[in-house]
C-alpha atoms as a PDB file:
ATOM      1  CA  UNK A   1     -17.713  27.590-105.640  1.00  0.00           C
ATOM      2  CA  UNK A   2     -20.170  28.220-108.261  1.00  0.00           C
ATOM      3  CA  UNK A   3     -20.954  32.046-107.455  1.00  0.00           C
ATOM      4  CA  UNK A   4     -23.956  32.362-109.677  1.00  0.00           C
ATOM      5  CA  UNK A   5     -25.394  29.168-108.032  1.00  0.00           C
ATOM      6  CA  UNK A   6     -24.795  30.408-104.582  1.00  0.00           C
ATOM      7  CA  UNK A   7     -26.246  34.212-105.208  1.00  0.00           C
ATOM      8  CA  UNK A   8     -29.287  32.257-106.783  1.00  0.00           C
ATOM      9  CA  UNK A   9     -29.689  30.089-103.576  1.00  0.00           C
ATOM     10  CA  UNK A  10     -29.329  32.696-101.222  1.00  0.00           C
ATOM     11  CA  UNK A  11     -31.806  34.837-102.965  1.00  0.00           C
ATOM     12  CA  UNK A  12     -34.162  31.816-102.629  1.00  0.00           C
ATOM     13  CA  UNK A  13     -33.493  31.483 -99.064  1.00  0.00           C
ATOM     14  CA  UNK A  14     -33.618  34.858 -97.970  1.00  0.00           C
ATOM     15  CA  UNK A  15     -36.168  36.547-100.305  1.00  0.00           C
ATOM     16  CA  UNK A  16     -36.196  40.066-101.548  1.00  0.00           C
ATOM     17  CA  UNK A  17     -38.024  42.881 -99.655  1.00  0.00           C
ATOM     18  CA  UNK A  18     -36.847  46.495-100.671  1.00  0.00           C
ATOM     19  CA  UNK A  19     -38.444  48.116 -97.435  1.00  0.00           C
ATOM     20  CA  UNK A  20     -36.801  47.481 -94.144  1.00  0.00           C
ATOM     21  CA  UNK A  21     -38.376  44.649 -92.218  1.00  0.00           C
ATOM     22  CA  UNK A  22     -37.727  42.507 -88.862  1.00  0.00           C
ATOM     23  CA  UNK A  23     -36.195  39.079 -89.725  1.00  0.00           C
ATOM     24  CA  UNK A  24     -37.202  35.727 -88.003  1.00  0.00           C
ATOM     25  CA  UNK A  25     -35.404  36.857 -84.939  1.00  0.00           C
ATOM     26  CA  UNK A  26     -36.141  40.369 -84.769  1.00  0.00           C
ATOM     27  CA  UNK A  27     -33.109  42.010 -86.658  1.00  0.00           C
ATOM     28  CA  UNK A  28     -33.880  44.880 -88.927  1.00  0.00           C
ATOM     29  CA  UNK A  29     -33.049  43.715 -92.529  1.00  0.00           C
ATOM     30  CA  UNK A  30     -33.469  45.108 -96.031  1.00  0.00           C
ATOM     31  CA  UNK A  31     -32.964  43.489 -99.860  1.00  0.00           C
ATOM     32  CA  UNK A  32     -31.687  40.145 -99.456  1.00  0.00           C
ATOM     33  CA  UNK A  33     -31.093  39.573 -95.771  1.00  0.00           C
ATOM     34  CA  UNK A  34     -28.815  42.719 -95.518  1.00  0.00           C
ATOM     35  CA  UNK A  35     -28.629  43.936 -92.186  1.00  0.00           C
ATOM     36  CA  UNK A  36     -26.181  46.862 -92.406  1.00  0.00           C
ATOM     37  CA  UNK A  37     -25.458  49.218 -95.339  1.00  0.00           C
ATOM     38  CA  UNK A  38     -21.857  51.107 -95.285  1.00  0.00           C
ATOM     39  CA  UNK A  39     -21.330  49.944 -92.059  1.00  0.00           C
ATOM     40  CA  UNK A  40     -24.544  51.410 -90.469  1.00  0.00           C
ATOM     41  CA  UNK A  41     -27.519  48.889 -89.265  1.00  0.00           C
ATOM     42  CA  UNK A  42     -30.690  49.098 -91.113  1.00  0.00           C
ATOM     43  CA  UNK A  43     -33.505  50.455 -88.914  1.00  0.00           C
ATOM     44  CA  UNK A  44     -36.878  51.005 -89.371  1.00  0.00           C
ATOM     45  CA  UNK A  45     -36.590  54.228 -90.988  1.00  0.00           C
ATOM     46  CA  UNK A  46     -33.807  53.036 -93.543  1.00  0.00           C
ATOM     47  CA  UNK A  47     -35.276  54.015 -96.944  1.00  0.00           C
ATOM     48  CA  UNK A  48     -36.638  51.495 -99.394  1.00  0.00           C
ATOM     49  CA  UNK A  49     -34.166  50.316-101.814  1.00  0.00           C
ATOM     50  CA  UNK A  50     -34.328  49.435-105.607  1.00  0.00           C
ATOM     51  CA  UNK A  51     -33.756  45.643-106.933  1.00  0.00           C
ATOM     52  CA  UNK A  52     -30.447  46.623-108.361  1.00  0.00           C
ATOM     53  CA  UNK A  53     -29.266  47.936-104.975  1.00  0.00           C
ATOM     54  CA  UNK A  54     -30.436  44.847-103.279  1.00  0.00           C
ATOM     55  CA  UNK A  55     -28.415  42.848-105.641  1.00  0.00           C
ATOM     56  CA  UNK A  56     -25.248  44.969-105.138  1.00  0.00           C
ATOM     57  CA  UNK A  57     -25.525  44.542-101.323  1.00  0.00           C
ATOM     58  CA  UNK A  58     -26.279  40.745-101.481  1.00  0.00           C
ATOM     59  CA  UNK A  59     -23.076  40.385-103.755  1.00  0.00           C
ATOM     60  CA  UNK A  60     -21.141  42.601-101.288  1.00  0.00           C
ATOM     61  CA  UNK A  61     -22.512  40.178 -98.354  1.00  0.00           C
ATOM     62  CA  UNK A  62     -21.689  36.996 -99.959  1.00  0.00           C
ATOM     63  CA  UNK A  63     -18.137  38.201-100.506  1.00  0.00           C
ATOM     64  CA  UNK A  64     -17.743  38.984 -96.801  1.00  0.00           C
ATOM     65  CA  UNK A  65     -19.411  35.539 -96.225  1.00  0.00           C
ATOM     66  CA  UNK A  66     -16.834  33.804 -98.412  1.00  0.00           C
ATOM     67  CA  UNK A  67     -14.166  35.564 -96.182  1.00  0.00           C
ATOM     68  CA  UNK A  68     -15.708  34.402 -93.073  1.00  0.00           C
ATOM     69  CA  UNK A  69     -16.180  30.670 -94.129  1.00  0.00           C
ATOM     70  CA  UNK A  70     -12.490  30.819 -95.151  1.00  0.00           C
ATOM     71  CA  UNK A  71     -11.275  31.971 -91.655  1.00  0.00           C
ATOM     72  CA  UNK A  72     -13.601  29.786 -89.715  1.00  0.00           C
ATOM     73  CA  UNK A  73     -12.769  26.541 -91.986  1.00  0.00           C
ATOM     74  CA  UNK A  74      -9.306  26.858 -92.989  1.00  0.00           C
ATOM     75  CA  UNK A  75      -9.724  23.954 -95.520  1.00  0.00           C
ATOM     76  CA  UNK A  76     -12.765  25.458 -97.114  1.00  0.00           C
ATOM     77  CA  UNK A  77     -10.937  25.604-100.702  1.00  0.00           C
ATOM     78  CA  UNK A  78     -10.490  22.043-100.246  1.00  0.00           C
ATOM     79  CA  UNK A  79     -14.156  21.079-100.129  1.00  0.00           C
ATOM     80  CA  UNK A  80     -16.473  20.218-102.875  1.00  0.00           C
ATOM     81  CA  UNK A  81     -18.167  23.409-104.566  1.00  0.00           C
ATOM     82  CA  UNK A  82     -21.277  22.240-102.887  1.00  0.00           C
ATOM     83  CA  UNK A  83     -20.193  22.189 -99.400  1.00  0.00           C
ATOM     84  CA  UNK A  84     -18.024  25.541-100.027  1.00  0.00           C
ATOM     85  CA  UNK A  85     -21.290  26.926-101.009  1.00  0.00           C
ATOM     86  CA  UNK A  86     -23.158  25.204 -97.777  1.00  0.00           C
ATOM     87  CA  UNK A  87     -20.721  26.978 -95.488  1.00  0.00           C
ATOM     88  CA  UNK A  88     -20.916  30.458 -97.317  1.00  0.00           C
ATOM     89  CA  UNK A  89     -24.353  30.268 -97.242  1.00  0.00           C
ATOM     90  CA  UNK A  90     -24.614  29.588 -93.445  1.00  0.00           C
ATOM     91  CA  UNK A  91     -22.081  32.631 -92.952  1.00  0.00           C
ATOM     92  CA  UNK A  92     -24.222  34.524 -94.828  1.00  0.00           C
ATOM     93  CA  UNK A  93     -27.168  33.849 -92.581  1.00  0.00           C
ATOM     94  CA  UNK A  94     -25.497  33.657 -89.415  1.00  0.00           C
ATOM     95  CA  UNK A  95     -22.167  35.630 -89.874  1.00  0.00           C
ATOM     96  CA  UNK A  96     -18.625  34.602 -89.067  1.00  0.00           C
ATOM     97  CA  UNK A  97     -19.267  34.135 -85.579  1.00  0.00           C
ATOM     98  CA  UNK A  98     -22.365  32.491 -85.801  1.00  0.00           C
ATOM     99  CA  UNK A  99     -20.724  29.960 -88.256  1.00  0.00           C
ATOM    100  CA  UNK A 100     -17.815  29.535 -85.659  1.00  0.00           C
ATOM    101  CA  UNK A 101     -20.077  28.390 -82.795  1.00  0.00           C
ATOM    102  CA  UNK A 102     -20.772  25.270 -84.768  1.00  0.00           C
ATOM    103  CA  UNK A 103     -17.308  23.961 -83.475  1.00  0.00           C
ATOM    104  CA  UNK A 104     -18.125  20.256 -83.573  1.00  0.00           C
ATOM    105  CA  UNK A 105     -19.492  20.710 -87.133  1.00  0.00           C
ATOM    106  CA  UNK A 106     -16.216  22.827 -88.100  1.00  0.00           C
ATOM    107  CA  UNK A 107     -14.012  20.007 -86.429  1.00  0.00           C
ATOM    108  CA  UNK A 108     -15.608  17.123 -88.484  1.00  0.00           C
ATOM    109  CA  UNK A 109     -15.185  19.207 -91.708  1.00  0.00           C
ATOM    110  CA  UNK A 110     -11.419  19.300 -90.817  1.00  0.00           C
ATOM    111  CA  UNK A 111     -11.257  15.807 -90.754  1.00  0.00           C
ATOM    112  CA  UNK A 112     -13.536  14.938 -93.633  1.00  0.00           C
ATOM    113  CA  UNK A 113     -16.129  13.750 -91.620  1.00  0.00           C
ATOM    114  CA  UNK A 114     -19.184  15.003 -93.509  1.00  0.00           C
ATOM    115  CA  UNK A 115     -21.706  12.645 -92.001  1.00  0.00           C
ATOM    116  CA  UNK A 116     -21.006  14.128 -88.419  1.00  0.00           C
ATOM    117  CA  UNK A 117     -20.668  17.264 -89.847  1.00  0.00           C
ATOM    118  CA  UNK A 118     -24.254  17.030 -91.043  1.00  0.00           C
ATOM    119  CA  UNK A 119     -25.565  15.612 -87.767  1.00  0.00           C
ATOM    120  CA  UNK A 120     -24.150  18.809 -85.892  1.00  0.00           C
ATOM    121  CA  UNK A 121     -25.887  21.035 -88.187  1.00  0.00           C
ATOM    122  CA  UNK A 122     -29.090  18.884 -87.467  1.00  0.00           C
ATOM    123  CA  UNK A 123     -28.606  19.277 -83.816  1.00  0.00           C
ATOM    124  CA  UNK A 124     -28.753  22.915 -83.469  1.00  0.00           C
ATOM    125  CA  UNK A 125     -31.095  25.712 -82.771  1.00  0.00           C
ATOM    126  CA  UNK A 126     -30.456  26.948 -86.224  1.00  0.00           C
ATOM    127  CA  UNK A 127     -31.874  23.925 -87.833  1.00  0.00           C
ATOM    128  CA  UNK A 128     -35.100  24.331 -86.214  1.00  0.00           C
ATOM    129  CA  UNK A 129     -35.301  28.341 -86.836  1.00  0.00           C
ATOM    130  CA  UNK A 130     -34.327  28.026 -90.562  1.00  0.00           C
ATOM    131  CA  UNK A 131     -36.495  25.092 -91.513  1.00  0.00           C
ATOM    132  CA  UNK A 132     -36.444  24.224 -95.091  1.00  0.00           C
ATOM    133  CA  UNK A 133     -32.980  26.212 -95.790  1.00  0.00           C
ATOM    134  CA  UNK A 134     -31.311  24.318 -92.940  1.00  0.00           C
ATOM    135  CA  UNK A 135     -32.842  20.905 -94.287  1.00  0.00           C
ATOM    136  CA  UNK A 136     -31.406  21.598 -97.970  1.00  0.00           C
ATOM    137  CA  UNK A 137     -27.892  22.766 -96.543  1.00  0.00           C
ATOM    138  CA  UNK A 138     -27.647  19.838 -94.361  1.00  0.00           C
ATOM    139  CA  UNK A 139     -28.487  17.360 -97.035  1.00  0.00           C
ATOM    140  CA  UNK A 140     -26.022  19.180 -99.373  1.00  0.00           C
ATOM    141  CA  UNK A 141     -23.216  18.678 -96.691  1.00  0.00           C
ATOM    142  CA  UNK A 142     -23.910  15.243 -96.369  1.00  0.00           C
ATOM    143  CA  UNK A 143     -24.092  14.276 -99.828  1.00  0.00           C
ATOM    144  CA  UNK A 144     -21.140  16.534-101.149  1.00  0.00           C
END
């Protein structure tokens, strides 16, 4: 997995806002899609952060997303770097439990059926909600 490319992609996908804001589904967020700081949920009174803090939080959140993706997709390390990055990006966006809800996609990945995995990604509410990000990730899942 190319961690630098993954970090850049997630930063591009999430954007950066140094003051708390509600994301597209109403969750309080800060920085680069961070919803918790030291285990405490972000809320409207969370103090603004610096770019450096946003990057530190993003790197920590990416590490957690890597662990979550590995838990949900046991053969994650056997996939191409690009597909690993797709799944970690999804775990970053949805959390491990959200990624786990893509049961048919996960099953398709386990057997190496990336056409079906991409189809399952496309056939989801996430695909509609996330828009361009979902389209890019789905294409990367398909082509590897």
